């Protein structure tokens, strides 16, 4: 997964999580601290067993300011080619 992130008016801990669809188990995750109003590149690799039916979600945690915003752009999720 690649994307760019930035924060306005505060600090965020963003967690991208790959979850198994039926049980909701966490299969893999990537954490990133976002605390600047400048675009920051994110590059993450998720290791997931091939037959799993799963999805990607993100969680915005540990917000330090009430009126803060998290921005994500150019999100690309792809599988490696062998």
Protein backbone atom coordinates (compact mmCIF):
# COMPACT_ATOMS: atom_id res chain seq x y z
CA UNK A 1 0.00 0.00 0.00
CA UNK A 2 1.20 3.48 -0.77
CA UNK A 3 -0.38 6.83 -0.03
CA UNK A 4 0.31 10.29 1.34
CA UNK A 5 -0.97 11.61 4.68
CA UNK A 6 -1.05 14.87 6.57
CA UNK A 7 -2.71 16.31 9.65
CA UNK A 8 -4.10 19.73 10.42
CA UNK A 9 -4.12 21.01 14.02
CA UNK A 10 -2.94 17.91 15.85
CA UNK A 11 -1.34 14.49 16.01
CA UNK A 12 -2.97 11.25 14.82
CA UNK A 13 -1.93 7.63 15.02
CA UNK A 14 -3.26 5.96 11.87
CA UNK A 15 -3.51 2.18 11.78
CA UNK A 16 -4.15 0.46 8.46
CA UNK A 17 -5.55 -3.01 9.19
CA UNK A 18 -6.16 -5.99 6.93
CA UNK A 19 -9.05 -7.94 8.47
CA UNK A 20 -10.56 -11.30 7.68
CA UNK A 21 -14.06 -10.68 6.32
CA UNK A 22 -16.20 -13.17 8.29
CA UNK A 23 -14.49 -13.39 11.70
CA UNK A 24 -13.00 -9.90 11.68
CA UNK A 25 -9.57 -11.20 12.77
CA UNK A 26 -6.62 -8.85 12.23
CA UNK A 27 -4.32 -10.45 9.71
CA UNK A 28 -1.77 -7.64 9.33
CA UNK A 29 -1.39 -3.97 10.23
CA UNK A 30 0.76 -0.88 9.71
CA UNK A 31 0.95 2.07 12.14
CA UNK A 32 1.97 5.60 11.26
CA UNK A 33 2.19 8.81 13.33
CA UNK A 34 0.89 11.85 11.44
CA UNK A 35 1.60 15.18 13.10
CA UNK A 36 2.40 17.73 10.40
CA UNK A 37 0.49 19.76 7.85
CA UNK A 38 2.87 18.58 5.11
CA UNK A 39 2.26 15.56 2.89
CA UNK A 40 4.19 12.50 4.08
CA UNK A 41 4.67 9.37 1.97
CA UNK A 42 3.56 6.05 3.47
CA UNK A 43 4.71 2.70 2.13
CA UNK A 44 3.42 -0.45 3.84
CA UNK A 45 3.57 -4.19 3.17
CA UNK A 46 0.87 -6.50 4.53
CA UNK A 47 1.54 -10.23 4.78
CA UNK A 48 -1.73 -12.14 4.39
CA UNK A 49 -2.31 -15.86 3.65
CA UNK A 50 -3.37 -16.17 -0.04
CA UNK A 51 -6.81 -17.80 0.37
CA UNK A 52 -8.13 -15.29 2.93
CA UNK A 53 -11.17 -13.17 2.05
CA UNK A 54 -10.16 -9.87 3.59
CA UNK A 55 -10.47 -6.08 3.45
CA UNK A 56 -8.41 -3.02 4.35
CA UNK A 57 -9.64 -0.49 6.88
CA UNK A 58 -7.96 2.39 8.65
CA UNK A 59 -8.37 3.58 12.22
CA UNK A 60 -7.60 7.12 13.35
CA UNK A 61 -6.51 6.95 17.00
CA UNK A 62 -4.83 9.04 19.69
CA UNK A 63 -6.11 12.32 18.34
CA UNK A 64 -4.57 15.23 20.30
CA UNK A 65 -6.85 18.09 19.15
CA UNK A 66 -10.64 18.10 18.85
CA UNK A 67 -10.71 20.18 15.64
CA UNK A 68 -7.95 18.22 13.91
CA UNK A 69 -8.29 16.61 10.49
CA UNK A 70 -6.52 13.67 8.92
CA UNK A 71 -6.02 13.78 5.14
CA UNK A 72 -5.16 10.79 2.94
CA UNK A 73 -4.55 11.01 -0.80
CA UNK A 74 -3.31 8.82 -3.65
CA UNK A 75 -4.08 5.56 -1.84
CA UNK A 76 -2.99 2.54 -3.88
CA UNK A 77 -3.40 -1.03 -2.67
CA UNK A 78 -1.87 -3.67 -4.91
CA UNK A 79 -0.69 -7.26 -4.90
CA UNK A 80 2.88 -8.13 -5.84
CA UNK A 81 3.40 -9.96 -9.08
CA UNK A 82 5.57 -13.04 -8.93
